[in-house]
Amino acid sequence: MPGPVLGLSTSGVAAVGLWLPGGEPVRAASVAPRAHTEELTPLVARVLDQAGLAPRDLAGIGVGTGPAPYTGLRIGLVTARALGFALAVPVWGVSDLDGLAVAAARGLGLAPGSCLGVVTDAKRREVYWAVYRVDPVAPGGVALAAGPAVGAPAAVASELAGHGVAATVGAGAALYSEQFEAAPGGPQAVDPVLLAELAWQRAQAGLPVSTEPLYLRRPDVAAPTPRKRATT
């Protein structure tokens, strides 16, 4: 039985959870969408305090790798790596889309072999998406079938239909209800506790758990190009 695993997600608001095998999980989340820097570390302290644990009690850290905008995602990854280094514990990365897919497969009772779509808000009138196949043998009970990628809602809806998805979940599906029919009761936000559990399961199975960020598109800020010399 593993020790406590900390889960961090900053693909939306800052969210922190503790996966305690054999015990009650602990969760805490910010209500401010752009307060990752100010609130992530206090949230970590809060969940540890609620669980009666010290940082040295952690067996590992699972962190969401996106896809998400650059700034919030970077704060989560840097925090996870810094904590892992300071505590000498492993840090495992998991896509937030994967976390939503696992929650949907568990909560919606989908049949093995069926496909589900995960759609989240990418801003700029686009969505991040991926398709998963329900697979009881895979860690978390799902296997990636297509994606992840980013695109316009109408084009993504067509892509999902081509894969014959049985259910679509995620905040993007609810936001663009004209293109997607969100599954009733499906998850919209990533559960950091589930993220921690999935990260540990994948690490134990020898699957990739890279903490490299999943941006899927270029950042809004670009390096300035050299100025052209004025003609005389």
Foldseek 3Di string as FASTA:
>chain_A
DAFKEKFWEQQFWTKIKIAGVVDDIFIDTDPDGPCQPPPNVVRVVVRCVVVVHDLLRHQEYEYAQDQHADPRNVSRLVVRVVSCVVNVHYYFYDHLQVQLVLQQCVPVVDDAQAKEKEWEDHPPQKIFIFMWGQACVDQSRIDTDDDGAMDHLQVVLVVVVVSVHPAYAEPRCVVPVVSHDHDVPRDHGGHRNSSRSSRVVCVVVVHHGDNHHDHNDDHPDDDDDDDDDDDD
